[in-house]
C-alpha atoms as a PDB file:
ATOM      1  CA  MET A   1      40.295 -45.320 -90.975  1.00  0.00           C
ATOM      2  CA  PRO A   2      39.842 -44.799 -94.730  1.00  0.00           C
ATOM      3  CA  ASP A   3      36.441 -43.739 -95.998  1.00  0.00           C
ATOM      4  CA  ARG A   4      34.321 -46.790 -96.810  1.00  0.00           C
ATOM      5  CA  SER A   5      31.122 -44.974 -97.694  1.00  0.00           C
ATOM      6  CA  ALA A   6      28.680 -46.827 -99.893  1.00  0.00           C
ATOM      7  CA  SER A   7      29.641 -46.533-103.545  1.00  0.00           C
ATOM      8  CA  PRO A   8      27.136 -45.016-106.021  1.00  0.00           C
ATOM      9  CA  GLY A   9      24.348 -47.423-106.708  1.00  0.00           C
ATOM     10  CA  ARG A  10      25.002 -49.489-103.598  1.00  0.00           C
ATOM     11  CA  GLY A  11      22.126 -48.089-101.562  1.00  0.00           C
ATOM     12  CA  ALA A  12      20.911 -44.671-100.504  1.00  0.00           C
ATOM     13  CA  SER A  13      23.732 -42.132-100.248  1.00  0.00           C
ATOM     14  CA  ASP A  14      21.971 -38.833 -99.506  1.00  0.00           C
ATOM     15  CA  PRO A  15      24.373 -36.925 -97.206  1.00  0.00           C
ATOM     16  CA  SER A  16      21.422 -35.585 -95.219  1.00  0.00           C
ATOM     17  CA  THR A  17      20.532 -39.114 -94.107  1.00  0.00           C
ATOM     18  CA  THR A  18      24.029 -40.477 -93.532  1.00  0.00           C
ATOM     19  CA  VAL A  19      26.816 -39.962 -91.036  1.00  0.00           C
ATOM     20  CA  THR A  20      30.416 -41.114 -91.271  1.00  0.00           C
ATOM     21  CA  LEU A  21      31.818 -43.031 -88.313  1.00  0.00           C
ATOM     22  CA  PHE A  22      34.910 -45.230 -88.183  1.00  0.00           C
ATOM     23  CA  GLY A  23      35.428 -44.677 -91.901  1.00  0.00           C
ATOM     24  CA  TYR A  24      32.007 -46.000 -92.917  1.00  0.00           C
ATOM     25  CA  SER A  25      28.859 -44.233 -94.028  1.00  0.00           C
ATOM     26  CA  PHE A  26      25.875 -45.145 -91.839  1.00  0.00           C
ATOM     27  CA  HIS A  27      22.277 -44.437 -92.757  1.00  0.00           C
ATOM     28  CA  THR A  28      20.313 -42.532 -90.138  1.00  0.00           C
ATOM     29  CA  GLY A  29      16.823 -42.502 -91.658  1.00  0.00           C
ATOM     30  CA  SER A  30      13.921 -44.849 -91.008  1.00  0.00           C
ATOM     31  CA  ALA A  31      14.018 -48.600 -91.548  1.00  0.00           C
ATOM     32  CA  PRO A  32      11.269 -48.616 -94.229  1.00  0.00           C
ATOM     33  CA  ALA A  33      13.067 -45.886 -96.190  1.00  0.00           C
ATOM     34  CA  ILE A  34      16.405 -47.693 -96.128  1.00  0.00           C
ATOM     35  CA  VAL A  35      14.878 -51.055 -97.021  1.00  0.00           C
ATOM     36  CA  ALA A  36      12.931 -49.498 -99.895  1.00  0.00           C
ATOM     37  CA  ALA A  37      16.023 -47.726-101.264  1.00  0.00           C
ATOM     38  CA  VAL A  38      18.121 -50.898-101.210  1.00  0.00           C
ATOM     39  CA  ALA A  39      15.336 -53.010-102.723  1.00  0.00           C
ATOM     40  CA  ALA A  40      14.799 -50.481-105.535  1.00  0.00           C
ATOM     41  CA  HIS A  41      18.422 -50.712-106.672  1.00  0.00           C
ATOM     42  CA  HIS A  42      19.089 -53.450-109.224  1.00  0.00           C
ATOM     43  CA  ALA A  43      22.446 -55.133-108.701  1.00  0.00           C
ATOM     44  CA  VAL A  44      24.358 -58.118-110.057  1.00  0.00           C
ATOM     45  CA  GLY A  45      25.001 -59.487-106.566  1.00  0.00           C
ATOM     46  CA  PRO A  46      23.475 -59.481-103.099  1.00  0.00           C
ATOM     47  CA  ARG A  47      22.382 -56.154-101.624  1.00  0.00           C
ATOM     48  CA  THR A  48      23.242 -56.519 -97.959  1.00  0.00           C
ATOM     49  CA  ILE A  49      22.022 -54.406 -95.055  1.00  0.00           C
ATOM     50  CA  VAL A  50      24.187 -54.676 -91.935  1.00  0.00           C
ATOM     51  CA  THR A  51      23.209 -53.403 -88.485  1.00  0.00           C
ATOM     52  CA  ALA A  52      26.203 -52.077 -86.569  1.00  0.00           C
ATOM     53  CA  ASN A  53      26.613 -52.346 -82.826  1.00  0.00           C
ATOM     54  CA  VAL A  54      29.550 -51.902 -80.440  1.00  0.00           C
ATOM     55  CA  ASP A  55      30.662 -55.501 -80.924  1.00  0.00           C
ATOM     56  CA  HIS A  56      30.759 -55.009 -84.700  1.00  0.00           C
ATOM     57  CA  ILE A  57      33.008 -51.956 -84.374  1.00  0.00           C
ATOM     58  CA  VAL A  58      35.424 -53.873 -82.163  1.00  0.00           C
ATOM     59  CA  GLN A  59      35.526 -56.801 -84.588  1.00  0.00           C
ATOM     60  CA  LEU A  60      35.975 -54.526 -87.593  1.00  0.00           C
ATOM     61  CA  ALA A  61      39.198 -53.247 -86.040  1.00  0.00           C
ATOM     62  CA  GLU A  62      40.800 -56.700 -86.258  1.00  0.00           C
ATOM     63  CA  ASP A  63      38.974 -58.707 -88.964  1.00  0.00           C
ATOM     64  CA  ALA A  64      39.856 -57.834 -92.565  1.00  0.00           C
ATOM     65  CA  ASP A  65      37.167 -60.108 -94.038  1.00  0.00           C
ATOM     66  CA  PHE A  66      34.544 -58.410 -91.896  1.00  0.00           C
ATOM     67  CA  ARG A  67      35.795 -55.004 -93.062  1.00  0.00           C
ATOM     68  CA  ASP A  68      35.496 -56.122 -96.689  1.00  0.00           C
ATOM     69  CA  ALA A  69      31.926 -57.264 -96.096  1.00  0.00           C
ATOM     70  CA  TYR A  70      31.043 -53.955 -94.455  1.00  0.00           C
ATOM     71  CA  ALA A  71      32.670 -51.986 -97.248  1.00  0.00           C
ATOM     72  CA  ARG A  72      30.581 -53.778 -99.875  1.00  0.00           C
ATOM     73  CA  ALA A  73      27.293 -53.618 -97.966  1.00  0.00           C
ATOM     74  CA  ALA A  74      24.433 -51.815 -99.679  1.00  0.00           C
ATOM     75  CA  ALA A  75      23.533 -50.055 -96.436  1.00  0.00           C
ATOM     76  CA  ARG A  76      24.741 -49.854 -92.853  1.00  0.00           C
ATOM     77  CA  THR A  77      22.503 -48.900 -89.960  1.00  0.00           C
ATOM     78  CA  LEU A  78      23.116 -47.915 -86.353  1.00  0.00           C
ATOM     79  CA  ASP A  79      21.926 -50.689 -84.060  1.00  0.00           C
ATOM     80  CA  GLY A  80      23.693 -50.058 -80.733  1.00  0.00           C
ATOM     81  CA  MET A  81      22.590 -46.965 -78.805  1.00  0.00           C
ATOM     82  CA  PRO A  82      26.204 -45.854 -78.162  1.00  0.00           C
ATOM     83  CA  LEU A  83      26.588 -45.573 -81.937  1.00  0.00           C
ATOM     84  CA  VAL A  84      23.346 -43.620 -82.222  1.00  0.00           C
ATOM     85  CA  TRP A  85      24.497 -41.169 -79.531  1.00  0.00           C
ATOM     86  CA  LEU A  86      27.879 -40.834 -81.229  1.00  0.00           C
ATOM     87  CA  ALA A  87      26.231 -40.204 -84.601  1.00  0.00           C
ATOM     88  CA  ARG A  88      24.024 -37.483 -83.137  1.00  0.00           C
ATOM     89  CA  ALA A  89      26.991 -35.804 -81.457  1.00  0.00           C
ATOM     90  CA  THR A  90      29.127 -36.015 -84.596  1.00  0.00           C
ATOM     91  CA  SER A  91      26.567 -34.834 -87.136  1.00  0.00           C
ATOM     92  CA  GLY A  92      24.374 -32.572 -85.011  1.00  0.00           C
ATOM     93  CA  ARG A  93      21.366 -34.209 -86.699  1.00  0.00           C
ATOM     94  CA  PRO A  94      18.766 -36.760 -85.589  1.00  0.00           C
ATOM     95  CA  ALA A  95      19.736 -40.383 -86.046  1.00  0.00           C
ATOM     96  CA  GLU A  96      17.428 -43.357 -85.659  1.00  0.00           C
ATOM     97  CA  ARG A  97      18.357 -46.686 -84.161  1.00  0.00           C
ATOM     98  CA  ILE A  98      17.611 -49.385 -86.737  1.00  0.00           C
ATOM     99  CA  THR A  99      17.953 -52.968 -85.587  1.00  0.00           C
ATOM    100  CA  GLY A 100      17.464 -56.350 -87.169  1.00  0.00           C
ATOM    101  CA  HIS A 101      14.048 -56.374 -85.484  1.00  0.00           C
ATOM    102  CA  ASP A 102      13.130 -53.223 -87.409  1.00  0.00           C
ATOM    103  CA  LEU A 103      14.254 -54.717 -90.739  1.00  0.00           C
ATOM    104  CA  LEU A 104      12.172 -57.844 -90.179  1.00  0.00           C
ATOM    105  CA  ALA A 105       9.158 -55.737 -89.202  1.00  0.00           C
ATOM    106  CA  CYS A 106       9.247 -54.231 -92.710  1.00  0.00           C
ATOM    107  CA  VAL A 107       8.434 -57.584 -94.305  1.00  0.00           C
ATOM    108  CA  LEU A 108       6.786 -60.002 -91.865  1.00  0.00           C
ATOM    109  CA  ALA A 109       3.312 -58.478 -91.496  1.00  0.00           C
ATOM    110  CA  ASP A 110       2.828 -57.486 -95.131  1.00  0.00           C
ATOM    111  CA  PRO A 111       5.568 -58.791 -97.465  1.00  0.00           C
ATOM    112  CA  PRO A 112       6.447 -56.169-100.093  1.00  0.00           C
ATOM    113  CA  PRO A 113       7.103 -57.175-103.724  1.00  0.00           C
ATOM    114  CA  PHE A 114      10.842 -57.683-103.184  1.00  0.00           C
ATOM    115  CA  ALA A 115      10.097 -60.233-100.417  1.00  0.00           C
ATOM    116  CA  ARG A 116       8.086 -62.707-102.458  1.00  0.00           C
ATOM    117  CA  ARG A 117      10.745 -65.444-102.326  1.00  0.00           C
ATOM    118  CA  VAL A 118      12.277 -65.599 -98.841  1.00  0.00           C
ATOM    119  CA  PHE A 119      15.089 -67.792 -97.544  1.00  0.00           C
ATOM    120  CA  PHE A 120      15.978 -68.009 -93.845  1.00  0.00           C
ATOM    121  CA  VAL A 121      19.463 -69.095 -92.768  1.00  0.00           C
ATOM    122  CA  ALA A 122      18.647 -69.671 -89.134  1.00  0.00           C
ATOM    123  CA  ALA A 123      20.243 -70.804 -85.898  1.00  0.00           C
ATOM    124  CA  ARG A 124      17.237 -73.009 -85.120  1.00  0.00           C
ATOM    125  CA  GLN A 125      14.718 -74.746 -87.361  1.00  0.00           C
ATOM    126  CA  ASP A 126      11.672 -74.084 -85.186  1.00  0.00           C
ATOM    127  CA  ALA A 127      12.219 -70.332 -85.504  1.00  0.00           C
ATOM    128  CA  ALA A 128      12.499 -70.568 -89.290  1.00  0.00           C
ATOM    129  CA  ASP A 129       9.365 -72.731 -89.432  1.00  0.00           C
ATOM    130  CA  THR A 130       7.398 -70.265 -87.295  1.00  0.00           C
ATOM    131  CA  LEU A 131       8.294 -67.339 -89.539  1.00  0.00           C
ATOM    132  CA  THR A 132       7.552 -69.421 -92.626  1.00  0.00           C
ATOM    133  CA  THR A 133       4.041 -70.039 -91.296  1.00  0.00           C
ATOM    134  CA  ARG A 134       3.637 -66.338 -90.553  1.00  0.00           C
ATOM    135  CA  LEU A 135       4.638 -65.325 -94.074  1.00  0.00           C
ATOM    136  CA  GLN A 136       2.293 -67.895 -95.576  1.00  0.00           C
ATOM    137  CA  ALA A 137      -0.509 -66.476 -93.442  1.00  0.00           C
ATOM    138  CA  ALA A 138       0.418 -63.042 -94.826  1.00  0.00           C
ATOM    139  CA  GLY A 139      -0.161 -64.280 -98.364  1.00  0.00           C
ATOM    140  CA  LEU A 140       2.999 -65.961 -99.633  1.00  0.00           C
ATOM    141  CA  PRO A 141       2.262 -69.276-101.409  1.00  0.00           C
ATOM    142  CA  ASP A 142       3.630 -72.698-100.538  1.00  0.00           C
ATOM    143  CA  GLY A 143       7.248 -73.007-101.643  1.00  0.00           C
ATOM    144  CA  ALA A 144       7.876 -69.266-101.536  1.00  0.00           C
ATOM    145  CA  VAL A 145       9.715 -69.558 -98.215  1.00  0.00           C
ATOM    146  CA  ALA A 146      12.635 -71.923 -97.614  1.00  0.00           C
ATOM    147  CA  SER A 147      15.185 -72.296 -94.841  1.00  0.00           C
ATOM    148  CA  ALA A 148      18.401 -73.940 -93.708  1.00  0.00           C
ATOM    149  CA  VAL A 149      20.135 -74.403 -90.369  1.00  0.00           C
ATOM    150  CA  PRO A 150      23.855 -74.587 -91.188  1.00  0.00           C
ATOM    151  CA  PRO A 151      26.309 -76.548 -89.047  1.00  0.00           C
ATOM    152  CA  PHE A 152      28.827 -74.878 -86.757  1.00  0.00           C
ATOM    153  CA  GLY A 153      31.724 -73.488 -88.803  1.00  0.00           C
ATOM    154  CA  PHE A 154      29.755 -73.486 -92.053  1.00  0.00           C
ATOM    155  CA  GLU A 155      31.274 -70.148 -93.070  1.00  0.00           C
ATOM    156  CA  ASP A 156      34.668 -71.855 -93.515  1.00  0.00           C
ATOM    157  CA  ASP A 157      33.326 -74.980 -95.244  1.00  0.00           C
ATOM    158  CA  ALA A 158      33.718 -74.240 -98.948  1.00  0.00           C
ATOM    159  CA  SER A 159      31.785 -77.309-100.112  1.00  0.00           C
ATOM    160  CA  TYR A 160      28.821 -76.625 -97.842  1.00  0.00           C
ATOM    161  CA  GLY A 161      28.924 -72.944 -98.755  1.00  0.00           C
ATOM    162  CA  ARG A 162      28.685 -73.678-102.474  1.00  0.00           C
ATOM    163  CA  ALA A 163      25.787 -76.085-101.931  1.00  0.00           C
ATOM    164  CA  LEU A 164      23.879 -73.645 -99.740  1.00  0.00           C
ATOM    165  CA  ALA A 165      24.466 -70.765-102.163  1.00  0.00           C
ATOM    166  CA  GLU A 166      23.216 -72.909-105.038  1.00  0.00           C
ATOM    167  CA  ARG A 167      20.121 -73.832-103.057  1.00  0.00           C
ATOM    168  CA  ILE A 168      19.415 -70.157-102.342  1.00  0.00           C
ATOM    169  CA  ARG A 169      19.911 -69.176-105.981  1.00  0.00           C
ATOM    170  CA  THR A 170      17.825 -72.081-107.323  1.00  0.00           C
ATOM    171  CA  HIS A 171      15.027 -71.130-104.952  1.00  0.00           C
ATOM    172  CA  GLY A 172      14.918 -67.748-106.682  1.00  0.00           C
ATOM    173  CA  THR A 173      15.436 -65.971-103.387  1.00  0.00           C
ATOM    174  CA  THR A 174      14.622 -62.266-103.426  1.00  0.00           C
ATOM    175  CA  LEU A 175      15.072 -61.751 -99.665  1.00  0.00           C
ATOM    176  CA  LEU A 176      17.761 -63.645 -97.768  1.00  0.00           C
ATOM    177  CA  VAL A 177      17.587 -63.374 -93.977  1.00  0.00           C
ATOM    178  CA  MET A 178      20.798 -64.332 -92.173  1.00  0.00           C
ATOM    179  CA  GLY A 179      20.075 -65.170 -88.545  1.00  0.00           C
ATOM    180  CA  VAL A 180      23.279 -66.920 -87.504  1.00  0.00           C
ATOM    181  CA  GLY A 181      25.218 -64.024 -86.010  1.00  0.00           C
ATOM    182  CA  ALA A 182      28.102 -61.711 -86.880  1.00  0.00           C
ATOM    183  CA  PRO A 183      30.596 -61.652 -88.398  1.00  0.00           C
ATOM    184  CA  LYS A 184      29.977 -65.019 -90.054  1.00  0.00           C
ATOM    185  CA  SER A 185      26.692 -63.955 -91.698  1.00  0.00           C
ATOM    186  CA  GLU A 186      28.180 -60.876 -93.321  1.00  0.00           C
ATOM    187  CA  ILE A 187      31.428 -62.595 -94.322  1.00  0.00           C
ATOM    188  CA  TRP A 188      29.685 -65.637 -95.795  1.00  0.00           C
ATOM    189  CA  VAL A 189      27.332 -63.533 -97.929  1.00  0.00           C
ATOM    190  CA  ASP A 190      30.233 -61.375 -99.125  1.00  0.00           C
ATOM    191  CA  ARG A 191      32.311 -64.424-100.060  1.00  0.00           C
ATOM    192  CA  GLN A 192      29.480 -66.060-102.012  1.00  0.00           C
ATOM    193  CA  GLY A 193      28.681 -62.877-103.921  1.00  0.00           C
ATOM    194  CA  ARG A 194      26.985 -63.488-107.261  1.00  0.00           C
ATOM    195  CA  ALA A 195      26.579 -67.199-106.498  1.00  0.00           C
ATOM    196  CA  LEU A 196      23.565 -66.147-104.393  1.00  0.00           C
ATOM    197  CA  GLY A 197      21.897 -64.236-107.212  1.00  0.00           C
ATOM    198  CA  ASN A 198      20.880 -60.692-106.346  1.00  0.00           C
ATOM    199  CA  PRO A 199      18.668 -60.883-103.256  1.00  0.00           C
ATOM    200  CA  VAL A 200      18.239 -58.181-100.660  1.00  0.00           C
ATOM    201  CA  VAL A 201      20.020 -59.531 -97.570  1.00  0.00           C
ATOM    202  CA  PHE A 202      19.162 -58.771 -93.952  1.00  0.00           C
ATOM    203  CA  CYS A 203      21.888 -59.704 -91.462  1.00  0.00           C
ATOM    204  CA  VAL A 204      19.800 -59.776 -88.292  1.00  0.00           C
ATOM    205  CA  GLY A 205      21.431 -62.331 -85.959  1.00  0.00           C
ATOM    206  CA  GLU A 206      19.307 -63.311 -82.974  1.00  0.00           C
ATOM    207  CA  ALA A 207      16.494 -61.006 -84.092  1.00  0.00           C
ATOM    208  CA  LEU A 208      15.224 -63.875 -86.233  1.00  0.00           C
ATOM    209  CA  SER A 209      14.649 -66.071 -83.168  1.00  0.00           C
ATOM    210  CA  VAL A 210      13.176 -63.096 -81.272  1.00  0.00           C
ATOM    211  CA  ALA A 211      10.690 -62.426 -84.076  1.00  0.00           C
ATOM    212  CA  ALA A 212       9.655 -66.074 -83.961  1.00  0.00           C
ATOM    213  CA  GLY A 213       9.057 -65.845 -80.215  1.00  0.00           C
ATOM    214  CA  TYR A 214      11.766 -68.236 -79.055  1.00  0.00           C
ATOM    215  CA  VAL A 215      14.097 -65.644 -77.526  1.00  0.00           C
ATOM    216  CA  PRO A 216      12.870 -62.734 -75.341  1.00  0.00           C
ATOM    217  CA  ARG A 217      13.745 -59.109 -76.000  1.00  0.00           C
ATOM    218  CA  ALA A 218      14.510 -56.424 -73.467  1.00  0.00           C
ATOM    219  CA  PRO A 219      11.675 -54.114 -72.366  1.00  0.00           C
ATOM    220  CA  TRP A 220      11.225 -50.949 -74.393  1.00  0.00           C
ATOM    221  CA  LEU A 221      12.638 -48.651 -71.701  1.00  0.00           C
ATOM    222  CA  MET A 222      15.867 -50.659 -71.452  1.00  0.00           C
ATOM    223  CA  GLN A 223      16.213 -50.412 -75.224  1.00  0.00           C
ATOM    224  CA  ARG A 224      15.778 -46.627 -75.175  1.00  0.00           C
ATOM    225  CA  LEU A 225      18.277 -46.195 -72.345  1.00  0.00           C
ATOM    226  CA  GLY A 226      20.919 -48.263 -74.104  1.00  0.00           C
ATOM    227  CA  LEU A 227      20.632 -51.066 -71.550  1.00  0.00           C
ATOM    228  CA  GLU A 228      19.429 -53.857 -73.817  1.00  0.00           C
ATOM    229  CA  TRP A 229      22.852 -55.454 -73.456  1.00  0.00           C
ATOM    230  CA  VAL A 230      22.173 -55.939 -69.719  1.00  0.00           C
ATOM    231  CA  PHE A 231      19.018 -57.888 -70.483  1.00  0.00           C
ATOM    232  CA  ARG A 232      20.792 -60.013 -73.081  1.00  0.00           C
ATOM    233  CA  PHE A 233      23.665 -60.721 -70.689  1.00  0.00           C
ATOM    234  CA  LEU A 234      21.287 -61.866 -67.962  1.00  0.00           C
ATOM    235  CA  CYS A 235      19.685 -64.256 -70.468  1.00  0.00           C
ATOM    236  CA  ALA A 236      23.018 -65.778 -71.578  1.00  0.00           C
ATOM    237  CA  PRO A 237      25.791 -64.777 -69.121  1.00  0.00           C
ATOM    238  CA  ARG A 238      28.327 -67.454 -70.042  1.00  0.00           C
ATOM    239  CA  ARG A 239      28.104 -66.763 -73.765  1.00  0.00           C
ATOM    240  CA  LEU A 240      28.151 -62.975 -73.490  1.00  0.00           C
ATOM    241  CA  PHE A 241      30.442 -62.263 -70.518  1.00  0.00           C
ATOM    242  CA  ARG A 242      33.601 -61.906 -72.575  1.00  0.00           C
ATOM    243  CA  ARG A 243      31.902 -59.780 -75.238  1.00  0.00           C
ATOM    244  CA  TYR A 244      30.365 -57.276 -72.834  1.00  0.00           C
ATOM    245  CA  PHE A 245      32.882 -57.119 -69.993  1.00  0.00           C
ATOM    246  CA  ILE A 246      36.214 -57.655 -71.752  1.00  0.00           C
ATOM    247  CA  GLU A 247      36.109 -57.056 -75.498  1.00  0.00           C
ATOM    248  CA  SER A 248      33.580 -54.210 -75.621  1.00  0.00           C
ATOM    249  CA  TRP A 249      35.798 -51.917 -73.537  1.00  0.00           C
ATOM    250  CA  ARG A 250      38.032 -51.595 -76.606  1.00  0.00           C
ATOM    251  CA  PHE A 251      35.241 -49.574 -78.220  1.00  0.00           C
ATOM    252  CA  ILE A 252      36.087 -46.555 -76.063  1.00  0.00           C
ATOM    253  CA  GLY A 253      39.611 -46.336 -77.451  1.00  0.00           C
ATOM    254  CA  ILE A 254      38.447 -46.970 -81.021  1.00  0.00           C
ATOM    255  CA  ALA A 255      35.828 -44.229 -80.745  1.00  0.00           C
ATOM    256  CA  ALA A 256      38.283 -41.773 -79.208  1.00  0.00           C
ATOM    257  CA  ARG A 257      40.802 -42.346 -82.003  1.00  0.00           C
ATOM    258  CA  ASP A 258      38.084 -41.964 -84.621  1.00  0.00           C
ATOM    259  CA  ARG A 259      36.905 -38.644 -83.160  1.00  0.00           C
ATOM    260  CA  ALA A 260      40.493 -37.386 -82.919  1.00  0.00           C
ATOM    261  CA  SER A 261      41.134 -38.343 -86.527  1.00  0.00           C
ATOM    262  CA  GLY A 262      37.970 -36.545 -87.590  1.00  0.00           C
ATOM    263  CA  ARG A 263      39.037 -33.362 -85.835  1.00  0.00           C
ATOM    264  CA  ARG A 264      42.442 -33.484 -87.550  1.00  0.00           C
ATOM    265  CA  ASP A 265      40.782 -33.984 -90.946  1.00  0.00           C
END
């Protein structure tokens, strides 16, 4: 794959804290450091942080719009443990797993200055309301947090997309949290571009509902062993069977080709 490392000014790019996999530059430092670096950069459009897992890599191989969104992201982190292990083997350096949960943890307990106007695009209203209450308890005033639960297929509805983008921009959003899953979150933000203003964007998927307490998360040991997917499958087997037992096997071939290409280079 061609190199799609972050361009200058589009997030931290220190080679000592990045590793190149599948043609993209991934940040391997801590979540607070990455969030701070992205927030400190002033841009004319959204500054998106994406959290890569095995499913993302498989989808990137076949979805051009998703690839464009990844290429223009301000920062990319390693969410899935297979990617973390691959990064460590490739670079010979430590690499941290940084998930959507970790990004949210940087702002929920003590909102930093860049998170003073927050907008949640959520899969469920009760989760957005719970996090709104939490942020207000942490010191954000009434009206500083807004939310929307878009209808199914919203990412392809141009009229709805324009209206939602205008609502986000009018709100003065400085932190946009997309909790409606990949690749639609990343693609929708990339398509809207400057219409959203210039917020920091977290694409966190189901982590939004987990943070609100409506969806359970795997025990810590399962996370460390790379078995969080087993826990998630047991919670939603019908929805996740195809992803984990059919589509995800393609990752092995994609990773093998990427490593072979790297050796040739």
